[in-house]
Amino acid sequence: MDVETATMLELKAKIRQLEEKLATMNSKLEAQASSSCENSSSSRVVRPKISQMSSEVVDSNPYSRLMALKRMGIVDNYENIRTYSVAVVGIGGVGSVTAEMLTRCGIGKLILFDYDKVELANMNRLFFQPHQSGMSKVEAAVQTLREINPDVVIEAHNYNITTVDNYDHFMDRISKGSLTDGPVNLVLSCVDNFEARMAINMACNELNQDWMESGVSENAVSGHIQLIKPGESACFACAPPLIVATGTDEKTLKREGVCAASLPTTMGLVAALLVQNSLKYLLGFGEVGFYVGYNALQDFFPKMTMKPNPGCTNSWCLKRQKEYQERLQSMPKEEVVSKVEEEITHENNDWGIEVSSELTSEQIEQSEKVNYQPDLDEANVSSGDGVSIEELMAKMKSITLGSSTVTKNLPFSTILCVCIYNMCLHALCINTTTTVLPSPSSGEIFTLGFLLFYYHTLNLFTKIGVCSFVSHTYNAEVFCCPHLLAISSFVPLACLIKF
């Protein structure tokens, strides 16, 4: 035996020894892992199944807070939720949270559809955990959901519903997969591609199945939910996205190394809106929204109703539209009944309280006939210097109203008193039966303002000793007239009342 052969044999022997050591170490690690799993599973609290929901408020009752909705008048019969079956298509960021919420609400049966696997890239979302990486999403979901609520019947299908064979099975499970082997009560679409949405839309139109569609935008800051009732509201093909309408293959839009954004907050919120709308639809409380959107940047929640498109490309949608219109025509029209207001009667009047008027019927009739008559004796009304209204009106005729020209034959105080008196009567709405006073014109107002300004200017000049200017003006009666001193302070108030 040469040296090389001996060396090869030694190396092979060492390799076998290393392999044996490695196998021993692996067996030890597996034993430790299995023991840790047994310890962790034994430490978990697994509750027994509950045959009937109870509203008893105890720490061990998982349904007490849900049944409180019935006690508070929100839902009439919450326990009926255990009779409903819901299919969830797409167990991703929205679908997994949707399935979890329905499970915690105590839904009767869940049917899950998805073909993808859990990846570490999915850990930015809710529900899935790192140790489930590599498992199919439906398998991981069943594992978690059964631990949350063992009362829920869960059925999982790990396949793509868009293939021919799987599509037929998908329709079969929707039409026969409920707790009573009949059609499910609701289908929830939580997929992230248009091809799957069109497949769900086609199946639900053909089966006349109500369903809800949901989605989150690629920038992760907006989303929506939509209730689709075949024939009554727009299906997904009635108003398709541009990619679907143009027939573009959405797979060609994806680029290597580029992915859509994803936020657990937006997906969780859209899932919450979807489940909330589903509960209202199933349990019959509140208002079920046909379309509810969400814009995270503006905290905006648009809401609308989309009518079906008479030119829809889906033949089953057109058929359902026709059936819906026929149902509307066959329904009896509601007659508008006028409500008759009943007199309010108080049956219980322990204190004998009565409401009565203090006035007699005769007093009430007399009060209705009384008209207010101002007790004014216009003939006795006169100005401060003993001039009656008739005399003032006669003198006013000599004044050219609407201009700045005033007859110089009249004393200054008389002109000013007449103008002020006429304006005050009009401003204070004093009507007379014997004398009709004209409304003040713009000329009167201008003249009055000019005269007041003129008076105050002369008064100022007199105080500062400009006697030469005063001697060329009207006589001294202007400056000592008591009417000007009293009325000049009243005129601004009268003008304010008027204007």
Protein backbone atom coordinates (compact mmCIF):
# COMPACT_ATOMS: atom_id res chain seq x y z
CA MET A 1 0.00 0.00 0.00
CA ASP A 2 1.53 3.26 -1.04
CA VAL A 3 1.49 6.48 0.95
CA GLU A 4 -1.23 8.16 -1.09
CA THR A 5 -3.65 5.32 -0.55
CA ALA A 6 -3.06 5.37 3.20
CA THR A 7 -3.65 9.09 3.30
CA MET A 8 -6.95 8.74 1.44
CA LEU A 9 -8.16 6.07 3.85
CA GLU A 10 -7.34 8.26 6.84
CA LEU A 11 -9.20 11.20 5.35
CA LYS A 12 -12.26 9.07 4.68
CA ALA A 13 -12.20 7.80 8.24
CA LYS A 14 -12.07 11.34 9.58
CA ILE A 15 -14.95 12.35 7.32
CA ARG A 16 -17.06 9.49 8.67
CA GLN A 17 -16.26 10.54 12.22
CA LEU A 18 -17.25 14.12 11.48
CA GLU A 19 -20.48 13.00 9.86
CA GLU A 20 -21.33 10.89 12.89
CA LYS A 21 -20.66 13.81 15.21
CA LEU A 22 -22.79 16.06 13.04
CA ALA A 23 -25.65 13.58 13.06
CA THR A 24 -25.40 13.29 16.84
CA MET A 25 -25.49 17.05 17.24
CA ASN A 26 -28.49 17.35 14.91
CA SER A 27 -30.39 14.71 16.83
CA LYS A 28 -29.69 16.54 20.07
CA LEU A 29 -30.88 19.83 18.59
CA GLU A 30 -34.07 18.24 17.29
CA ALA A 31 -34.72 16.70 20.68
CA GLN A 32 -34.25 20.05 22.36
CA ALA A 33 -36.52 21.75 19.84
CA SER A 34 -39.25 19.15 20.26
CA SER A 35 -39.04 19.37 24.03
CA SER A 36 -39.24 23.17 23.92
CA CYS A 37 -42.25 22.97 21.62
CA GLU A 38 -43.93 20.53 23.99
CA ASN A 39 -43.22 22.79 26.92
CA SER A 40 -44.50 25.86 25.08
CA SER A 41 -47.61 24.06 23.88
CA SER A 42 -48.27 22.72 27.35
CA SER A 43 -47.94 26.24 28.76
CA ARG A 44 -50.51 27.65 26.30
CA VAL A 45 -54.08 28.03 27.45
CA VAL A 46 -56.36 26.16 25.06
CA ARG A 47 -60.00 26.79 25.92
CA PRO A 48 -62.66 24.20 25.24
CA LYS A 49 -65.32 24.78 22.62
CA ILE A 50 -68.43 26.69 23.63
CA SER A 51 -71.67 25.30 22.27
CA GLN A 52 -73.77 28.43 22.83
CA MET A 53 -72.96 32.11 23.20
CA SER A 54 -73.68 33.62 26.58
CA SER A 55 -73.97 37.20 27.78
CA GLU A 56 -72.78 36.31 31.27
CA VAL A 57 -70.15 38.81 32.40
CA VAL A 58 -67.31 36.64 33.68
CA ASP A 59 -63.61 36.57 32.88
CA SER A 60 -63.85 33.14 31.29
CA ASN A 61 -66.55 34.13 28.76
CA PRO A 62 -64.98 35.26 25.43
CA TYR A 63 -68.36 36.42 24.09
CA SER A 64 -69.55 38.65 26.95
CA ARG A 65 -68.38 41.90 25.34
CA LEU A 66 -69.81 40.90 21.97
CA MET A 67 -73.17 40.01 23.46
CA ALA A 68 -73.19 43.42 25.19
CA LEU A 69 -74.09 44.88 21.79
CA LYS A 70 -77.45 43.17 22.14
CA ARG A 71 -78.00 44.56 25.62
CA MET A 72 -77.18 48.07 24.42
CA GLY A 73 -79.67 47.88 21.57
CA ILE A 74 -77.15 47.87 18.70
CA VAL A 75 -77.83 44.33 17.50
CA ASP A 76 -81.05 42.40 18.04
CA ASN A 77 -79.62 38.88 17.87
CA TYR A 78 -75.84 38.78 17.86
CA GLU A 79 -75.77 35.03 18.52
CA ASN A 80 -76.98 34.49 14.94
CA ILE A 81 -73.44 35.22 13.76
CA ARG A 82 -72.58 31.58 14.46
CA THR A 83 -74.94 30.51 11.68
CA TYR A 84 -73.20 32.52 8.95
CA SER A 85 -70.48 31.36 6.55
CA VAL A 86 -68.01 33.73 4.89
CA ALA A 87 -65.45 33.02 2.17
CA VAL A 88 -62.22 35.07 2.25
CA VAL A 89 -60.20 35.08 -0.96
CA GLY A 90 -56.62 36.25 -0.46
CA ILE A 91 -54.95 35.79 2.94
CA GLY A 92 -52.45 38.62 2.68
CA GLY A 93 -52.12 41.93 4.49
CA VAL A 94 -55.88 42.64 4.38
CA GLY A 95 -57.30 39.11 4.15
CA SER A 96 -55.40 37.68 7.12
CA VAL A 97 -56.53 40.49 9.43
CA THR A 98 -60.06 40.17 8.06
CA ALA A 99 -60.11 36.46 8.86
CA GLU A 100 -58.76 37.13 12.35
CA MET A 101 -61.40 39.77 13.11
CA LEU A 102 -64.22 37.53 11.91
CA THR A 103 -62.82 34.69 14.02
CA ARG A 104 -62.72 36.85 17.12
CA CYS A 105 -66.28 38.00 16.39
CA GLY A 106 -67.41 34.36 16.47
CA ILE A 107 -68.34 33.78 12.82
CA GLY A 108 -69.78 30.32 12.15
CA LYS A 109 -67.52 29.21 9.29
CA LEU A 110 -64.60 30.59 7.31
CA ILE A 111 -63.47 29.33 3.90
CA LEU A 112 -59.97 30.56 3.02
CA PHE A 113 -58.43 30.71 -0.47
CA ASP A 114 -54.79 31.54 -1.28
CA TYR A 115 -51.84 29.95 -3.08
CA ASP A 116 -48.94 32.03 -1.73
CA LYS A 117 -46.46 31.27 1.06
CA VAL A 118 -45.48 33.25 4.14
CA GLU A 119 -42.20 35.12 3.69
CA LEU A 120 -40.07 37.26 5.94
CA ALA A 121 -40.97 40.15 3.64
CA ASN A 122 -44.54 39.83 4.97
CA MET A 123 -43.51 40.61 8.55
CA ASN A 124 -44.17 44.32 8.08
CA ARG A 125 -47.86 43.42 8.09
CA LEU A 126 -50.09 42.05 10.80
CA PHE A 127 -51.06 38.50 11.76
CA PHE A 128 -48.20 36.31 10.47
CA GLN A 129 -45.11 35.49 12.59
CA PRO A 130 -41.49 34.79 11.60
CA HIS A 131 -41.58 31.13 12.62
CA GLN A 132 -44.37 30.60 10.05
CA SER A 133 -42.09 31.59 7.20
CA GLY A 134 -42.18 28.98 4.44
CA MET A 135 -45.66 27.75 5.33
CA SER A 136 -48.58 28.31 3.00
CA LYS A 137 -50.63 31.31 4.06
CA VAL A 138 -53.82 29.32 4.48
CA GLU A 139 -52.02 26.68 6.58
CA ALA A 140 -50.46 29.32 8.83
CA ALA A 141 -53.81 31.12 9.09
CA VAL A 142 -55.66 27.95 10.12
CA GLN A 143 -53.02 27.27 12.78
CA THR A 144 -53.38 30.73 14.32
CA LEU A 145 -57.14 31.12 13.95
CA ARG A 146 -57.97 27.81 15.61
CA GLU A 147 -55.94 28.82 18.63
CA ILE A 148 -57.82 32.12 18.82
CA ASN A 149 -61.31 30.63 18.59
CA PRO A 150 -61.80 26.86 18.32
CA ASP A 151 -65.56 27.36 17.86
CA VAL A 152 -65.13 28.59 14.28
CA VAL A 153 -65.22 26.00 11.51
CA ILE A 154 -62.31 26.73 9.16
CA GLU A 155 -61.85 25.33 5.67
CA ALA A 156 -58.68 26.14 3.72
CA HIS A 157 -57.78 25.75 0.03
CA ASN A 158 -54.22 26.31 -1.14
CA TYR A 159 -54.59 27.04 -4.85
CA ASN A 160 -54.96 29.79 -7.45
CA ILE A 161 -58.64 30.39 -8.25
CA THR A 162 -57.89 31.80 -11.72
CA THR A 163 -56.95 28.45 -13.28
CA VAL A 164 -59.69 26.47 -15.04
CA ASP A 165 -59.82 23.48 -12.68
CA ASN A 166 -59.49 25.53 -9.52
CA TYR A 167 -62.11 28.02 -10.70
CA ASP A 168 -64.73 25.28 -10.95
CA HIS A 169 -63.88 24.05 -7.46
CA PHE A 170 -63.97 27.63 -6.18
CA MET A 171 -67.50 28.09 -7.52
CA ASP A 172 -68.53 24.77 -5.99
CA ARG A 173 -67.32 25.78 -2.53
CA ILE A 174 -69.06 29.16 -2.75
CA SER A 175 -72.35 27.57 -3.75
CA LYS A 176 -72.18 24.57 -1.38
CA GLY A 177 -69.68 25.42 1.33
CA SER A 178 -71.87 26.90 4.07
CA LEU A 179 -72.73 25.22 7.36
CA THR A 180 -75.98 24.03 5.77
CA ASP A 181 -74.22 22.85 2.57
CA GLY A 182 -75.76 25.76 0.70
CA PRO A 183 -74.29 29.01 -0.66
CA VAL A 184 -72.14 31.08 1.65
CA ASN A 185 -73.63 34.26 3.07
CA LEU A 186 -70.87 36.55 1.84
CA VAL A 187 -67.66 36.48 -0.22
CA LEU A 188 -64.85 38.87 0.71
CA SER A 189 -62.23 39.70 -1.92
CA CYS A 190 -58.85 40.62 -0.42
CA VAL A 191 -56.67 39.86 -3.44
CA ASP A 192 -53.98 42.14 -4.84
CA ASN A 193 -54.40 41.61 -8.59
CA PHE A 194 -57.10 42.34 -11.16
CA GLU A 195 -57.14 38.84 -12.65
CA ALA A 196 -58.36 37.33 -9.38
CA ARG A 197 -60.89 40.13 -8.92
CA MET A 198 -62.36 39.46 -12.35
CA ALA A 199 -62.59 35.74 -11.54
CA ILE A 200 -64.46 36.45 -8.29
CA ASN A 201 -66.70 38.94 -10.10
CA MET A 202 -67.58 36.41 -12.80
CA ALA A 203 -68.33 33.65 -10.30
CA CYS A 204 -70.49 35.84 -8.06
CA ASN A 205 -72.45 37.26 -11.01
CA GLU A 206 -73.17 33.76 -12.28
CA LEU A 207 -74.17 32.48 -8.82
CA ASN A 208 -76.04 35.71 -7.96
CA GLN A 209 -73.84 35.94 -4.86
CA ASP A 210 -73.34 39.17 -2.88
CA TRP A 211 -69.69 39.98 -2.25
CA MET A 212 -67.40 42.75 -1.07
CA GLU A 213 -64.27 43.91 -2.82
CA SER A 214 -61.36 45.65 -1.10
CA GLY A 215 -57.98 47.04 -2.01
CA VAL A 216 -55.02 49.17 -0.95
CA SER A 217 -53.13 51.49 -3.28
CA GLU A 218 -49.51 50.86 -4.28
CA ASN A 219 -48.35 53.88 -2.29
CA ALA A 220 -49.98 52.38 0.84
CA VAL A 221 -51.82 55.58 1.86
CA SER A 222 -55.30 54.93 0.49
CA GLY A 223 -57.76 52.09 0.14
CA HIS A 224 -61.42 51.21 -0.32
CA ILE A 225 -64.16 48.66 0.21
CA GLN A 226 -67.14 48.05 -2.07
CA LEU A 227 -70.34 46.03 -1.65
CA ILE A 228 -71.43 44.43 -4.92
CA LYS A 229 -74.96 43.09 -5.30
CA PRO A 230 -75.39 41.55 -8.77
CA GLY A 231 -77.89 43.60 -10.77
CA GLU A 232 -78.42 46.21 -8.06
CA SER A 233 -74.98 47.82 -7.84
CA ALA A 234 -72.05 48.06 -10.23
CA CYS A 235 -69.96 44.92 -10.56
CA PHE A 236 -66.20 45.02 -11.00
CA ALA A 237 -66.58 44.86 -14.80
CA CYS A 238 -69.10 47.74 -14.91
CA ALA A 239 -66.39 50.30 -14.15
CA PRO A 240 -63.08 48.45 -14.55
CA PRO A 241 -59.66 50.01 -13.97
CA LEU A 242 -57.78 51.26 -17.00
CA ILE A 243 -55.51 48.21 -17.07
CA VAL A 244 -58.48 45.86 -17.24
CA ALA A 245 -60.39 48.01 -19.74
CA THR A 246 -57.45 48.16 -22.15
CA GLY A 247 -56.68 44.45 -21.81
CA THR A 248 -53.13 45.07 -20.59
CA ASP A 249 -51.41 42.16 -18.87
CA GLU A 250 -50.64 43.47 -15.39
CA LYS A 251 -47.70 41.09 -15.08
CA THR A 252 -45.85 43.15 -17.67
CA LEU A 253 -46.08 46.20 -15.39
CA LYS A 254 -43.96 44.65 -12.65
CA ARG A 255 -40.25 45.40 -12.72
CA GLU A 256 -37.45 43.40 -11.20
CA GLY A 257 -36.37 44.72 -7.82
CA VAL A 258 -39.38 47.04 -7.49
CA CYS A 259 -42.27 46.30 -5.15
CA ALA A 260 -45.36 48.13 -3.96
CA ALA A 261 -45.32 49.96 -0.64
CA SER A 262 -47.10 48.41 2.32
CA LEU A 263 -48.20 49.81 5.68
CA PRO A 264 -49.79 47.66 8.39
CA THR A 265 -51.84 50.67 9.48
CA THR A 266 -53.56 51.17 6.13
CA MET A 267 -54.15 47.45 5.62
CA GLY A 268 -55.48 47.04 9.14
CA LEU A 269 -57.83 49.99 8.69
CA VAL A 270 -59.17 48.71 5.36
CA ALA A 271 -59.66 45.27 6.93
CA ALA A 272 -61.55 46.87 9.82
CA LEU A 273 -63.84 48.75 7.41
CA LEU A 274 -64.43 45.54 5.48
CA VAL A 275 -65.33 43.48 8.56
CA GLN A 276 -67.46 46.28 10.03
CA ASN A 277 -69.45 46.49 6.81
CA SER A 278 -69.74 42.70 6.75
CA LEU A 279 -71.12 42.58 10.29
CA LYS A 280 -73.71 45.24 9.45
CA TYR A 281 -74.66 43.29 6.33
CA LEU A 282 -74.96 39.94 8.15
CA LEU A 283 -76.53 41.08 11.43
CA GLY A 284 -78.72 43.82 9.96
CA PHE A 285 -77.72 46.88 11.97
CA GLY A 286 -76.63 50.34 10.91
CA GLU A 287 -76.24 51.42 7.30
CA VAL A 288 -74.31 49.16 4.94
CA GLY A 289 -72.04 51.19 2.68
CA PHE A 290 -71.86 50.35 -1.02
CA TYR A 291 -68.52 52.12 -1.39
CA VAL A 292 -66.30 53.56 1.33
CA GLY A 293 -62.87 54.97 0.52
CA TYR A 294 -59.98 56.04 2.70
CA ASN A 295 -57.31 58.67 2.10
CA ALA A 296 -54.66 58.55 4.83
CA LEU A 297 -52.98 61.80 3.79
CA GLN A 298 -56.13 63.86 4.37
CA ASP A 299 -58.07 61.55 6.74
CA PHE A 300 -60.84 61.57 4.14
CA PHE A 301 -63.52 58.87 3.88
CA PRO A 302 -65.52 59.31 0.65
CA LYS A 303 -68.78 57.40 0.37
CA MET A 304 -70.90 56.75 -2.69
CA THR A 305 -73.21 54.32 -4.47
CA MET A 306 -72.27 52.98 -7.90
CA LYS A 307 -75.12 51.97 -10.19
CA PRO A 308 -74.69 49.07 -12.63
CA ASN A 309 -73.58 49.81 -16.16
CA PRO A 310 -76.22 48.89 -18.81
CA GLY A 311 -73.34 48.35 -21.23
CA CYS A 312 -71.34 46.04 -18.97
CA THR A 313 -69.21 43.47 -20.79
CA ASN A 314 -70.24 40.70 -18.38
CA SER A 315 -73.31 38.89 -19.72
CA TRP A 316 -74.29 37.58 -16.28
CA CYS A 317 -74.26 41.14 -14.93
CA LEU A 318 -76.69 42.24 -17.66
CA LYS A 319 -78.95 39.31 -16.82
CA ARG A 320 -78.93 40.20 -13.11
CA GLN A 321 -79.73 43.82 -13.95
CA LYS A 322 -82.81 42.74 -15.89
CA GLU A 323 -83.94 40.48 -13.05
CA TYR A 324 -83.50 43.27 -10.53
CA GLN A 325 -85.59 45.69 -12.59
CA GLU A 326 -88.34 43.08 -12.90
CA ARG A 327 -88.34 42.62 -9.13
CA LEU A 328 -88.68 46.36 -8.63
CA GLN A 329 -91.66 46.53 -10.97
CA SER A 330 -93.39 43.58 -9.31
CA MET A 331 -93.04 45.09 -5.85
CA PRO A 332 -96.16 46.95 -4.64
CA LYS A 333 -95.77 50.68 -4.48
CA GLU A 334 -95.83 52.18 -1.04
CA GLU A 335 -98.79 54.44 -0.44
CA VAL A 336 -98.07 57.74 1.22
CA VAL A 337 -100.31 57.97 4.26
CA SER A 338 -100.75 61.40 5.77
CA LYS A 339 -100.16 61.43 9.47
CA VAL A 340 -102.92 62.81 11.65
CA GLU A 341 -101.59 64.66 14.63
CA GLU A 342 -103.28 63.53 17.79
CA GLU A 343 -104.07 65.88 20.59
CA ILE A 344 -101.72 65.57 23.49
CA THR A 345 -103.60 64.41 26.52
CA HIS A 346 -102.15 63.95 29.95
CA GLU A 347 -103.75 60.93 31.51
CA ASN A 348 -102.07 61.40 34.85
CA ASN A 349 -102.68 64.76 36.54
CA ASP A 350 -102.34 64.01 40.21
CA TRP A 351 -101.98 67.67 41.18
CA GLY A 352 -104.98 68.93 39.19
CA ILE A 353 -103.00 71.53 37.25
CA GLU A 354 -105.01 73.49 34.67
CA VAL A 355 -103.90 76.16 32.22
CA SER A 356 -106.37 79.03 31.77
CA SER A 357 -106.31 82.66 30.67
CA GLU A 358 -106.72 85.50 33.16
CA LEU A 359 -108.67 87.60 30.64
CA THR A 360 -112.34 87.13 29.91
CA SER A 361 -113.61 86.59 26.38
CA GLU A 362 -114.98 90.17 26.28
CA GLN A 363 -111.61 91.61 27.27
CA ILE A 364 -109.88 89.60 24.57
CA GLU A 365 -112.34 90.86 21.92
CA GLN A 366 -111.86 94.47 23.01
CA SER A 367 -108.08 94.15 22.97
CA GLU A 368 -108.21 92.91 19.38
CA LYS A 369 -110.21 95.99 18.29
CA VAL A 370 -107.93 98.57 19.92
CA ASN A 371 -105.72 100.50 17.51
CA TYR A 372 -103.01 102.82 18.72
CA GLN A 373 -103.73 106.48 18.00
CA PRO A 374 -101.06 109.04 18.88
CA ASP A 375 -102.47 111.73 21.12
CA LEU A 376 -100.86 114.74 19.50
CA ASP A 377 -102.32 118.16 19.06
CA GLU A 378 -100.44 119.32 16.02
CA ALA A 379 -101.99 122.75 16.21
CA ASN A 380 -100.32 123.38 19.55
CA VAL A 381 -96.93 122.14 18.44
CA SER A 382 -94.60 125.04 17.92
CA SER A 383 -90.93 125.79 17.76
CA GLY A 384 -88.98 127.12 20.67
CA ASP A 385 -89.43 130.78 19.63
CA GLY A 386 -93.28 130.62 19.44
CA VAL A 387 -93.63 129.91 15.70
CA SER A 388 -96.23 127.25 14.83
CA ILE A 389 -95.75 124.48 12.30
CA GLU A 390 -98.06 126.16 9.78
CA GLU A 391 -95.99 129.34 9.93
CA LEU A 392 -92.77 127.39 9.58
CA MET A 393 -94.14 125.52 6.56
CA ALA A 394 -95.18 128.78 4.95
CA LYS A 395 -91.69 130.14 5.43
CA MET A 396 -90.18 126.90 4.09
CA LYS A 397 -91.89 127.49 0.75
CA SER A 398 -89.60 130.45 0.20
CA ILE A 399 -86.56 128.19 0.53
CA THR A 400 -85.16 126.65 -2.64
CA LEU A 401 -84.65 122.99 -1.66
CA GLY A 402 -82.03 120.92 -3.43
CA SER A 403 -79.61 123.85 -3.74
CA SER A 404 -77.33 125.86 -1.52
CA THR A 405 -79.27 129.11 -2.03
CA VAL A 406 -81.26 130.34 1.00
CA THR A 407 -83.49 133.42 1.02
CA LYS A 408 -81.66 136.10 2.98
CA ASN A 409 -84.92 137.71 4.07
CA LEU A 410 -85.41 135.02 6.72
CA PRO A 411 -83.47 135.06 9.96
CA PHE A 412 -80.73 132.49 10.13
CA SER A 413 -82.16 130.83 13.24
CA THR A 414 -85.57 130.37 11.59
CA ILE A 415 -84.12 128.66 8.53
CA LEU A 416 -82.02 126.37 10.65
CA CYS A 417 -84.88 125.49 13.02
CA VAL A 418 -87.21 124.61 10.15
CA CYS A 419 -84.66 122.32 8.52
CA ILE A 420 -83.78 120.61 11.77
CA TYR A 421 -87.40 120.25 12.85
CA ASN A 422 -88.44 118.72 9.54
CA MET A 423 -85.58 116.23 9.65
CA CYS A 424 -86.24 115.30 13.27
CA LEU A 425 -89.92 114.65 12.60
CA HIS A 426 -89.06 112.43 9.65
CA ALA A 427 -86.31 110.59 11.53
CA LEU A 428 -88.51 109.93 14.55
CA CYS A 429 -91.43 108.87 12.30
CA ILE A 430 -93.88 111.44 13.77
CA ASN A 431 -96.93 111.48 11.49
CA THR A 432 -99.58 114.14 11.71
CA THR A 433 -103.09 114.26 10.32
CA THR A 434 -103.36 117.97 9.69
CA THR A 435 -99.96 118.72 8.22
CA VAL A 436 -97.98 116.64 5.74
CA LEU A 437 -94.29 117.33 6.02
CA PRO A 438 -92.06 116.47 3.07
CA SER A 439 -89.15 114.09 3.46
CA PRO A 440 -85.78 115.78 3.72
CA SER A 441 -84.05 115.99 0.40
CA SER A 442 -80.36 115.93 -0.32
CA GLY A 443 -80.49 119.72 -0.58
CA GLU A 444 -81.85 120.03 2.95
CA ILE A 445 -79.18 117.76 4.31
CA PHE A 446 -76.47 119.67 2.49
CA THR A 447 -77.87 123.02 3.62
CA LEU A 448 -78.16 121.86 7.22
CA GLY A 449 -74.64 120.52 7.30
CA PHE A 450 -73.29 123.67 5.69
CA LEU A 451 -75.11 125.92 8.16
CA LEU A 452 -73.89 123.95 11.17
CA PHE A 453 -70.34 124.08 9.87
CA TYR A 454 -70.78 127.80 9.19
CA TYR A 455 -72.09 128.42 12.70
CA HIS A 456 -69.29 126.58 14.47
CA THR A 457 -66.70 128.31 12.29
CA LEU A 458 -68.04 131.77 13.15
CA ASN A 459 -68.28 130.84 16.80
CA LEU A 460 -64.65 129.74 16.75
CA PHE A 461 -63.54 132.92 15.02
CA THR A 462 -65.44 135.01 17.56
CA LYS A 463 -63.68 133.29 20.43
CA ILE A 464 -60.26 133.94 18.92
CA GLY A 465 -61.08 137.60 18.27
CA VAL A 466 -61.63 137.74 14.53
CA CYS A 467 -64.26 140.49 14.89
CA SER A 468 -63.77 141.91 11.44
CA PHE A 469 -64.93 138.62 9.92
CA VAL A 470 -67.94 138.45 12.23
CA SER A 471 -69.07 141.99 11.44
CA HIS A 472 -69.61 141.06 7.79
CA THR A 473 -71.79 138.06 8.57
CA TYR A 474 -75.33 137.77 9.79
CA ASN A 475 -76.30 139.70 12.86
CA ALA A 476 -75.43 138.62 16.37
CA GLU A 477 -78.70 136.73 16.64
CA VAL A 478 -76.96 133.79 15.02
CA PHE A 479 -74.49 133.38 17.85
CA CYS A 480 -76.85 133.86 20.74
CA CYS A 481 -79.73 131.81 19.32
CA PRO A 482 -80.73 129.26 21.97
CA HIS A 483 -82.11 126.90 19.30
CA LEU A 484 -78.71 126.36 17.75
CA LEU A 485 -77.06 125.53 21.04
CA ALA A 486 -79.71 122.94 21.91
CA ILE A 487 -80.40 121.49 18.48
CA SER A 488 -76.78 121.28 17.29
CA SER A 489 -76.17 118.50 19.82
CA PHE A 490 -79.38 116.70 18.84
CA VAL A 491 -78.97 116.76 15.05
CA PRO A 492 -76.28 114.03 14.83
CA LEU A 493 -78.54 111.69 16.81
CA ALA A 494 -81.52 112.43 14.57
CA CYS A 495 -79.47 111.87 11.43
CA LEU A 496 -78.13 108.62 12.86
CA ILE A 497 -81.67 107.36 13.52
CA LYS A 498 -82.68 108.28 9.99
CA PHE A 499 -79.73 106.79 8.14
